[in-house]
Protein backbone atom coordinates (compact mmCIF):
# COMPACT_ATOMS: atom_id res chain seq x y z
CA UNK A 1 18.36 -16.95 -10.57
CA UNK A 2 19.23 -15.28 -13.50
CA UNK A 3 16.41 -17.14 -15.19
CA UNK A 4 13.80 -15.60 -12.57
CA UNK A 5 14.87 -12.39 -12.93
CA UNK A 6 15.57 -11.84 -16.50
CA UNK A 7 13.06 -13.84 -18.27
CA UNK A 8 10.26 -13.82 -15.50
CA UNK A 9 10.44 -10.08 -14.22
CA UNK A 10 10.56 -11.15 -10.65
CA UNK A 11 10.49 -8.15 -8.35
CA UNK A 12 9.89 -9.50 -4.88
CA UNK A 13 9.43 -13.26 -4.21
CA UNK A 14 11.34 -16.52 -3.29
CA UNK A 15 12.41 -18.52 -6.07
CA UNK A 16 12.41 -22.27 -5.73
CA UNK A 17 14.33 -24.36 -8.43
CA UNK A 18 13.33 -28.07 -8.06
CA UNK A 19 15.46 -30.20 -10.12
CA UNK A 20 15.77 -33.98 -10.10
CA UNK A 21 18.46 -34.33 -7.10
CA UNK A 22 18.64 -30.79 -5.51
CA UNK A 23 16.39 -27.51 -5.08
CA UNK A 24 18.02 -24.32 -5.15
CA UNK A 25 16.32 -21.19 -3.03
CA UNK A 26 17.11 -17.69 -3.17
CA UNK A 27 15.24 -14.47 -2.28
CA UNK A 28 14.46 -11.43 -5.04
CA UNK A 29 13.64 -8.12 -3.01
CA UNK A 30 12.99 -4.87 -4.94
CA UNK A 31 14.13 -6.54 -8.10
CA UNK A 32 17.33 -7.89 -7.09
CA UNK A 33 18.96 -11.17 -5.84
CA UNK A 34 19.90 -10.95 -2.04
CA UNK A 35 23.68 -11.34 -1.22
CA UNK A 36 25.73 -12.46 1.66
CA UNK A 37 29.41 -12.65 2.44
CA UNK A 38 30.53 -16.19 1.47
CA UNK A 39 31.75 -18.50 4.29
CA UNK A 40 34.15 -21.33 3.53
CA UNK A 41 34.43 -23.97 6.35
CA UNK A 42 33.11 -21.79 9.13
CA UNK A 43 35.67 -18.81 8.03
CA UNK A 44 34.23 -15.35 6.84
CA UNK A 45 35.34 -13.89 3.86
CA UNK A 46 34.96 -10.48 2.15
CA UNK A 47 33.58 -11.80 -0.97
CA UNK A 48 29.81 -11.33 -1.39
CA UNK A 49 27.83 -13.73 -3.66
CA UNK A 50 24.54 -14.58 -4.38
CA UNK A 51 22.81 -16.12 -1.27
CA UNK A 52 21.32 -19.55 -3.12
CA UNK A 53 20.68 -22.20 -0.69
CA UNK A 54 20.79 -25.81 -1.76
CA UNK A 55 19.02 -28.29 -0.32
CA UNK A 56 19.22 -32.61 -0.93
CA UNK A 57 15.79 -32.99 -1.76
CA UNK A 58 13.95 -32.62 -5.18
CA UNK A 59 11.57 -34.20 -7.43
CA UNK A 60 13.70 -37.25 -7.71
CA UNK A 61 14.57 -37.78 -4.14
CA UNK A 62 13.94 -41.36 -2.94
CA UNK A 63 11.85 -42.66 0.04
CA UNK A 64 13.60 -44.17 3.22
CA UNK A 65 12.33 -46.72 5.55
CA UNK A 66 12.82 -47.49 9.04
CA UNK A 67 10.88 -49.38 11.56
CA UNK A 68 8.24 -49.98 9.08
CA UNK A 69 7.77 -46.23 8.89
CA UNK A 70 9.22 -43.15 6.18
CA UNK A 71 12.14 -41.82 7.96
CA UNK A 72 13.32 -39.52 5.24
CA UNK A 73 13.20 -38.77 1.61
CA UNK A 74 16.76 -38.01 0.13
CA UNK A 75 19.14 -37.11 -0.09
CA UNK A 76 19.63 -39.54 -2.64
CA UNK A 77 17.98 -39.58 -5.78
CA UNK A 78 16.78 -41.89 -8.52
CA UNK A 79 19.56 -40.07 -10.77
CA UNK A 80 22.09 -40.86 -8.18
CA UNK A 81 20.86 -44.61 -7.76
CA UNK A 82 20.69 -44.70 -11.52
CA UNK A 83 17.27 -45.91 -11.57
CA UNK A 84 14.22 -44.64 -13.60
CA UNK A 85 10.86 -43.56 -11.82
CA UNK A 86 8.65 -45.91 -10.96
CA UNK A 87 5.68 -43.38 -12.51
CA UNK A 88 7.15 -43.56 -15.72
CA UNK A 89 7.26 -47.63 -15.87
CA UNK A 90 4.89 -49.70 -17.54
CA UNK A 91 2.12 -50.34 -15.14
CA UNK A 92 1.76 -53.90 -15.86
CA UNK A 93 5.58 -54.50 -15.10
CA UNK A 94 5.00 -52.94 -12.02
CA UNK A 95 1.86 -54.66 -11.00
CA UNK A 96 4.44 -58.03 -10.75
CA UNK A 97 7.01 -55.99 -8.71
CA UNK A 98 8.00 -56.02 -5.11
CA UNK A 99 9.48 -53.72 -2.37
CA UNK A 100 13.35 -54.37 -1.97
CA UNK A 101 16.02 -52.51 0.05
CA UNK A 102 18.51 -50.71 -1.90
CA UNK A 103 21.99 -48.68 -1.16
CA UNK A 104 21.90 -45.83 -3.91
CA UNK A 105 25.88 -45.98 -3.81
CA UNK A 106 28.15 -48.23 -2.54
CA UNK A 107 28.77 -46.68 0.80
CA UNK A 108 25.16 -45.78 1.55
CA UNK A 109 23.02 -47.03 4.14
CA UNK A 110 20.49 -49.89 2.76
CA UNK A 111 17.56 -48.07 3.90
CA UNK A 112 16.32 -46.72 0.66
CA UNK A 113 13.47 -48.57 -1.05
CA UNK A 114 12.53 -49.66 -4.51
CA UNK A 115 10.33 -51.80 -6.61
CA UNK A 116 11.94 -54.54 -8.50
CA UNK A 117 9.88 -56.04 -11.35
CA UNK A 118 10.79 -58.57 -13.88
CA UNK A 119 12.05 -55.93 -16.25
CA UNK A 120 14.15 -53.69 -14.34
CA UNK A 121 14.13 -51.88 -10.63
CA UNK A 122 12.55 -48.50 -10.32
CA UNK A 123 12.72 -45.61 -7.62
CA UNK A 124 9.80 -44.26 -5.75
CA UNK A 125 10.31 -40.57 -5.75
CA UNK A 126 8.59 -37.34 -4.90
CA UNK A 127 7.56 -37.11 -8.26
CA UNK A 128 5.72 -40.59 -8.10
CA UNK A 129 3.91 -39.22 -4.78
CA UNK A 130 2.63 -36.15 -6.46
CA UNK A 131 1.53 -38.00 -9.69
CA UNK A 132 -0.17 -40.76 -7.35
CA UNK A 133 -2.16 -38.12 -5.82
CA UNK A 134 -3.16 -36.12 -9.08
CA UNK A 135 -1.51 -33.15 -8.27
CA UNK A 136 0.16 -32.95 -11.41
CA UNK A 137 -1.62 -31.68 -14.40
CA UNK A 138 -1.21 -33.03 -17.96
CA UNK A 139 1.20 -31.09 -19.90
CA UNK A 140 3.30 -29.98 -16.89
CA UNK A 141 6.96 -31.37 -17.29
CA UNK A 142 6.59 -33.52 -14.26
CA UNK A 143 3.37 -35.52 -15.48
CA UNK A 144 3.64 -38.75 -15.74
CA UNK A 145 1.59 -42.49 -15.79
CA UNK A 146 -0.67 -41.82 -12.74
CA UNK A 147 -1.56 -45.60 -12.89
CA UNK A 148 1.75 -46.19 -12.62
CA UNK A 149 2.42 -44.13 -9.90
CA UNK A 150 -0.87 -45.23 -7.89
CA UNK A 151 0.72 -48.89 -8.38
CA UNK A 152 3.87 -48.20 -6.72
CA UNK A 153 2.34 -46.01 -4.00
CA UNK A 154 0.00 -48.85 -3.15
CA UNK A 155 2.68 -51.48 -3.22
CA UNK A 156 4.75 -49.37 -0.47
CA UNK A 157 1.46 -48.60 1.28
CA UNK A 158 0.68 -52.30 1.71
CA UNK A 159 4.42 -52.98 2.74
CA UNK A 160 3.81 -50.19 5.60
CA UNK A 161 0.47 -51.49 6.28
CA UNK A 162 -0.97 -48.16 5.05
CA UNK A 163 -2.62 -46.79 2.02
CA UNK A 164 -1.25 -45.25 -1.56
CA UNK A 165 -2.69 -41.45 -0.48
CA UNK A 166 -1.52 -41.60 3.19
CA UNK A 167 2.02 -42.61 1.99
CA UNK A 168 2.07 -40.54 -0.70
CA UNK A 169 0.91 -37.35 1.09
CA UNK A 170 3.86 -38.28 4.14
CA UNK A 171 6.42 -38.25 1.53
CA UNK A 172 5.59 -35.16 0.05
CA UNK A 173 5.36 -33.74 3.57
CA UNK A 174 8.71 -34.82 4.76
CA UNK A 175 10.28 -33.23 1.59
CA UNK A 176 8.28 -29.93 1.82
CA UNK A 177 9.06 -29.50 5.27
CA UNK A 178 12.79 -29.60 4.57
CA UNK A 179 12.28 -26.81 2.04
CA UNK A 180 9.86 -24.83 4.41
CA UNK A 181 12.62 -24.70 7.06
CA UNK A 182 14.96 -23.16 4.74
CA UNK A 183 12.10 -20.67 3.54
CA UNK A 184 10.99 -19.22 6.87
CA UNK A 185 14.58 -18.56 7.57
CA UNK A 186 15.09 -16.81 4.68
CA UNK A 187 11.95 -14.58 5.34
CA UNK A 188 13.40 -13.79 8.59
CA UNK A 189 16.60 -13.06 7.50
CA UNK A 190 15.44 -10.60 4.80
CA UNK A 191 12.62 -9.22 6.54
CA UNK A 192 10.13 -9.92 3.87
CA UNK A 193 6.44 -9.50 4.10
CA UNK A 194 3.77 -11.70 2.38
CA UNK A 195 5.93 -13.61 -0.12
CA UNK A 196 5.42 -15.35 -3.26
CA UNK A 197 6.90 -18.39 -4.04
CA UNK A 198 7.84 -18.93 -7.91
CA UNK A 199 8.43 -22.15 -8.73
CA UNK A 200 10.91 -23.50 -11.22
CA UNK A 201 12.79 -26.27 -12.53
CA UNK A 202 11.78 -29.63 -13.99
CA UNK A 203 9.83 -30.72 -10.47
CA UNK A 204 8.56 -27.44 -9.61
CA UNK A 205 5.04 -28.84 -9.45
CA UNK A 206 6.06 -31.73 -7.40
CA UNK A 207 6.84 -29.61 -4.46
CA UNK A 208 6.18 -25.70 -4.76
CA UNK A 209 2.27 -26.05 -4.37
CA UNK A 210 2.62 -28.27 -1.52
CA UNK A 211 5.11 -25.91 0.37
CA UNK A 212 3.08 -23.16 -0.18
CA UNK A 213 0.12 -24.78 1.19
CA UNK A 214 2.02 -25.53 4.18
CA UNK A 215 2.94 -22.06 4.49
CA UNK A 216 -0.30 -20.57 3.50
CA UNK A 217 1.51 -18.42 0.88
CA UNK A 218 0.74 -17.55 -2.89
CA UNK A 219 2.77 -19.44 -5.50
CA UNK A 220 3.49 -19.31 -9.34
CA UNK A 221 4.86 -21.98 -11.34
CA UNK A 222 7.24 -20.32 -14.18
CA UNK A 223 6.45 -20.42 -17.82
CA UNK A 224 9.21 -22.91 -19.43
CA UNK A 225 10.04 -23.99 -15.83
CA UNK A 226 11.81 -27.03 -16.90
CA UNK A 227 14.50 -24.90 -18.70
CA UNK A 228 14.33 -21.90 -16.62
CA UNK A 229 18.00 -22.20 -15.71
CA UNK A 230 18.98 -22.58 -19.47
CA UNK A 231 16.95 -19.51 -20.34
CA UNK A 232 19.00 -17.66 -17.35
CA UNK A 233 22.19 -18.62 -18.84
CA UNK A 234 21.09 -17.89 -22.56
CA UNK A 235 19.74 -14.22 -21.33
CA UNK A 236 22.40 -13.48 -18.92
CA UNK A 237 25.05 -12.96 -21.37
CA UNK A 238 24.78 -9.69 -23.18
CA UNK A 239 26.88 -9.34 -26.62
CA UNK A 240 27.29 -6.28 -28.76
CA UNK A 241 28.85 -6.07 -32.09
CA UNK A 242 29.99 -3.11 -34.54
CA UNK A 243 31.43 -3.41 -37.60
CA UNK A 244 33.06 -0.63 -39.74
CA UNK A 245 34.50 -0.53 -43.47
CA UNK A 246 37.91 0.82 -42.94
CA UNK A 247 41.14 0.71 -45.15
CA UNK A 248 43.61 0.98 -42.38
CA UNK A 249 42.67 0.59 -38.63
CA UNK A 250 43.28 4.14 -36.80
CA UNK A 251 43.97 4.08 -32.98
CA UNK A 252 41.29 7.02 -32.35
CA UNK A 253 38.82 5.30 -34.44
CA UNK A 254 39.15 2.01 -32.51
CA UNK A 255 39.21 3.82 -29.24
CA UNK A 256 35.75 5.75 -30.21
CA UNK A 257 34.22 2.38 -31.46
CA UNK A 258 35.26 0.58 -28.21
CA UNK A 259 33.58 3.16 -26.18
CA UNK A 260 30.61 3.05 -28.28
CA UNK A 261 30.18 -0.66 -28.27
CA UNK A 262 30.60 -0.72 -24.53
CA UNK A 263 27.84 2.23 -24.05
CA UNK A 264 25.43 -0.14 -26.28
CA UNK A 265 26.19 -3.31 -23.90
CA UNK A 266 25.76 -1.28 -20.62
CA UNK A 267 22.75 0.35 -22.22
CA UNK A 268 21.01 -3.33 -22.77
CA UNK A 269 21.81 -4.13 -19.11
CA UNK A 270 25.37 -5.48 -18.92
CA UNK A 271 27.55 -4.94 -15.83
CA UNK A 272 30.21 -2.57 -16.60
CA UNK A 273 32.73 -4.13 -14.63
CA UNK A 274 31.98 -7.53 -16.54
CA UNK A 275 32.37 -6.36 -19.96
CA UNK A 276 35.20 -7.61 -22.16
CA UNK A 277 36.10 -5.97 -25.75
CA UNK A 278 37.47 -7.88 -28.59
CA UNK A 279 38.60 -6.09 -31.82
CA UNK A 280 39.49 -7.86 -35.09
CA UNK A 281 40.48 -6.75 -38.16
CA UNK A 282 39.56 -8.49 -41.74
CA UNK A 283 42.14 -7.16 -44.15
CA UNK A 284 40.40 -8.88 -47.10
CA UNK A 285 37.38 -7.28 -46.41
CA UNK A 286 38.80 -3.96 -45.29
CA UNK A 287 36.36 -4.58 -42.08
CA UNK A 288 37.01 -3.39 -38.31
CA UNK A 289 35.04 -5.68 -36.01
CA UNK A 290 34.53 -4.29 -32.33
CA UNK A 291 32.63 -7.20 -29.83
CA UNK A 292 31.86 -6.31 -26.09
CA UNK A 293 30.24 -8.96 -24.06
CA UNK A 294 29.09 -9.01 -20.52
CA UNK A 295 26.87 -10.49 -17.74
CA UNK A 296 23.75 -9.09 -17.36
CA UNK A 297 23.00 -6.84 -14.52
CA UNK A 298 20.97 -9.15 -11.97
CA UNK A 299 17.87 -6.74 -11.30
CA UNK A 300 14.88 -8.07 -12.70
CA UNK A 301 15.16 -6.81 -16.30
CA UNK A 302 13.67 -7.56 -19.77
CA UNK A 303 16.51 -7.50 -21.97
CA UNK A 304 14.96 -5.14 -24.53
CA UNK A 305 17.15 -2.93 -26.88
CA UNK A 306 14.08 -0.89 -27.84
CA UNK A 307 13.15 2.10 -25.67
CA UNK A 308 9.51 2.31 -24.06
CA UNK A 309 7.29 5.22 -24.22
CA UNK A 310 5.27 6.57 -21.17
CA UNK A 311 2.12 4.42 -21.66
CA UNK A 312 4.18 1.27 -22.08
CA UNK A 313 6.19 2.10 -18.80
CA UNK A 314 3.02 2.50 -16.97
CA UNK A 315 1.59 -0.90 -17.95
CA UNK A 316 4.70 -2.87 -16.88
CA UNK A 317 4.65 -0.96 -13.51
CA UNK A 318 1.03 -1.85 -13.13
CA UNK A 319 1.74 -5.35 -13.87
CA UNK A 320 4.72 -5.59 -11.50
CA UNK A 321 3.05 -4.22 -8.66
CA UNK A 322 -0.25 -5.46 -9.35
CA UNK A 323 -2.03 -2.28 -9.44
CA UNK A 324 -4.41 -0.50 -11.50
CA UNK A 325 -3.95 2.72 -10.03
CA UNK A 326 -0.77 4.05 -11.30
CA UNK A 327 0.46 7.66 -11.13
CA UNK A 328 3.63 8.93 -12.89
CA UNK A 329 5.49 11.10 -10.48
CA UNK A 330 8.64 11.71 -12.51
CA UNK A 331 10.33 11.06 -15.81
CA UNK A 332 14.01 11.95 -16.96
CA UNK A 333 16.32 11.00 -19.79
CA UNK A 334 16.63 7.39 -18.17
CA UNK A 335 13.87 6.62 -15.98
CA UNK A 336 10.23 6.52 -15.23
CA UNK A 337 9.25 6.61 -11.69
CA UNK A 338 5.53 5.72 -10.81
CA UNK A 339 3.34 5.69 -7.40
CA UNK A 340 0.77 3.38 -6.47
CA UNK A 341 -1.37 4.71 -3.53
CA UNK A 342 -3.30 2.64 -0.74
CA UNK A 343 -5.62 4.08 1.90
CA UNK A 344 -6.10 2.13 5.17
CA UNK A 345 -9.35 3.57 6.76
CA UNK A 346 -9.01 3.30 10.78
CA UNK A 347 -11.28 4.17 13.38
CA UNK A 348 -10.65 7.63 13.62
CA UNK A 349 -7.80 8.18 10.84
CA UNK A 350 -6.61 6.79 7.70
CA UNK A 351 -3.00 5.55 6.81
CA UNK A 352 -1.55 6.52 3.25
CA UNK A 353 0.81 3.84 1.79
CA UNK A 354 2.71 4.45 -1.41
CA UNK A 355 4.41 1.95 -3.35
CA UNK A 356 7.14 3.54 -5.58
CA UNK A 357 8.74 2.04 -8.80
CA UNK A 358 11.35 3.20 -10.79
CA UNK A 359 11.83 1.85 -14.53
CA UNK A 360 14.35 2.65 -16.91
CA UNK A 361 13.95 3.30 -20.73
CA UNK A 362 13.97 -0.28 -21.72
CA UNK A 363 11.55 -1.22 -19.24
CA UNK A 364 13.76 -2.71 -16.53
CA UNK A 365 12.69 -2.80 -13.17
CA UNK A 366 15.55 -0.91 -11.19
CA UNK A 367 13.61 -0.16 -7.75
CA UNK A 368 10.33 -1.15 -5.99
CA UNK A 369 10.05 0.38 -2.75
CA UNK A 370 6.73 -0.33 -0.62
CA UNK A 371 5.63 2.37 1.73
CA UNK A 372 7.82 5.11 0.26
CA UNK A 373 8.19 8.55 -0.60
CA UNK A 374 9.55 10.25 -3.58
CA UNK A 375 11.38 14.10 -3.12
CA UNK A 376 11.75 15.95 -6.19
CA UNK A 377 12.09 19.48 -4.56
CA UNK A 378 14.65 20.74 -2.21
CA UNK A 379 16.29 17.66 -2.20
CA UNK A 380 18.80 18.11 0.60
CA UNK A 381 16.58 20.17 2.79
CA UNK A 382 13.93 17.63 2.72
CA UNK A 383 16.36 14.59 3.44
CA UNK A 384 17.94 16.62 6.48
CA UNK A 385 14.52 17.19 7.62
CA UNK A 386 13.52 13.56 7.31
CA UNK A 387 17.07 12.47 8.67
CA UNK A 388 16.67 14.67 11.79
CA UNK A 389 13.38 12.88 12.70
CA UNK A 390 14.89 9.48 12.55
CA UNK A 391 18.01 10.40 14.29
CA UNK A 392 18.41 7.00 15.76
CA UNK A 393 18.91 5.05 12.39
CA UNK A 394 18.79 6.22 8.82
CA UNK A 395 16.11 4.87 6.51
CA UNK A 396 16.65 3.44 3.15
CA UNK A 397 17.33 6.26 0.78
CA UNK A 398 17.90 6.15 -3.17
CA UNK A 399 18.98 9.00 -5.32
CA UNK A 400 18.20 8.95 -8.96
CA UNK A 401 18.87 11.35 -11.58
CA UNK A 402 19.22 11.50 -15.52
CA UNK A 403 22.21 8.73 -15.53
CA UNK A 404 22.00 6.68 -12.63
CA UNK A 405 20.26 5.45 -9.39
CA UNK A 406 22.41 5.26 -6.09
CA UNK A 407 21.66 2.97 -3.20
CA UNK A 408 22.31 4.37 0.17
CA UNK A 409 20.45 1.67 2.06
CA UNK A 410 23.74 0.42 3.27
CA UNK A 411 24.79 3.31 5.22
CA UNK A 412 23.07 3.42 8.80
CA UNK A 413 24.51 6.78 10.39
CA UNK A 414 22.34 9.51 9.37
CA UNK A 415 25.04 11.83 9.18
CA UNK A 416 27.20 9.80 6.87
CA UNK A 417 23.91 9.16 4.82
CA UNK A 418 23.40 13.09 4.43
CA UNK A 419 27.36 13.68 3.74
CA UNK A 420 26.99 11.16 0.83
CA UNK A 421 23.83 12.35 -0.50
CA UNK A 422 25.21 16.03 -0.14
CA UNK A 423 28.14 14.80 -2.46
CA UNK A 424 25.94 13.50 -5.00
CA UNK A 425 23.59 16.28 -5.18
CA UNK A 426 26.64 18.47 -5.73
CA UNK A 427 28.04 16.41 -8.36
CA UNK A 428 24.85 15.85 -10.36
CA UNK A 429 24.43 18.20 -13.46
CA UNK A 430 20.66 17.16 -14.05
CA UNK A 431 17.69 16.94 -12.14
CA UNK A 432 17.84 14.73 -9.14
CA UNK A 433 15.03 13.05 -6.75
CA UNK A 434 15.18 10.99 -3.68
CA UNK A 435 13.24 8.07 -3.05
CA UNK A 436 12.79 6.83 0.65
CA UNK A 437 11.58 3.73 2.23
CA UNK A 438 9.23 4.95 5.34
């Protein structure tokens, strides 16, 4: 998830990371991963965590047979069974092989199939099926010996009185439908319209294109998909360090440097509550070292220490919302707010839809709202007027000033929303604007 947000700059989409044994699925909406309350053994808790769904199907999932038909794919994988993929085997060796039944683990049912050859036993996997159909292009992490893949699927086809293409498609269909079911559920849960599927993990090209085809959705395979998790781990930890030459550590100086290093880490995207500060004094060198480390805020950032200018911000906004018609609505000390306008023509009228996007000074996407409106004059009066119209249910409202962006979307009572906004407006020292999702 961190890789999708921090490295790929995903704002809206469904991230599907396909590994060898399991697939992880999460929703990224408005540049933030969706969260849910954790349930432990059917007992709800008050702990909120990332909503990542894990499925026992992936690139290395093995084929299962029942009554001369493919009954399932997974959850066991070649990795669990300690077998190599048949699509990476020597084709001459595979030609001499035969289909056998195996149990990947001691207590597993003996309905998984593999190919036994004079030189070893090989699993038939989703990756083998995708390579047999020519779906994986050369240079992709999942690209294998397609001749070997064809031999493996042909032997399985003969075993099932079918052919390689039909069997390969059936394998991918069974595996992909498992993921499709969860993706549909998440689309419904989080009310996402026209999502894009973003594939990560070494097996991304094996399943994600097929899932997208089943669902008639757009998809993208992430650059460096096979190491996206490692990139996420590497980029999600922020570290900032300050050194000062000093003969004797002074508590006031230490306190000042601690606040300085914390501010720098926060400016680079670290969550304030996650920051840990360490101090050390190297007496022989007369150096005081203060180090702050913390987790990056998971909100579609590009960890850039350099502040961007207006034109760079406009370019980033245009790329993120895929529009060449971008207008700057507001610029303050910390944020750029842009609008992209689409006019939908109807028989006797027209409807205007604005997408509002807010970037901070480091090019990080802080907010992206489809069909939104920004108010920067008479904020309280305009918000009150709008809430009076929407008296049954409060819309999603965000406040933004020189130092922060406050999300009121979780408050559903119009009265409570207005009181909370009023308090923030009264506390704000600088210019303040409201962004409303219509």
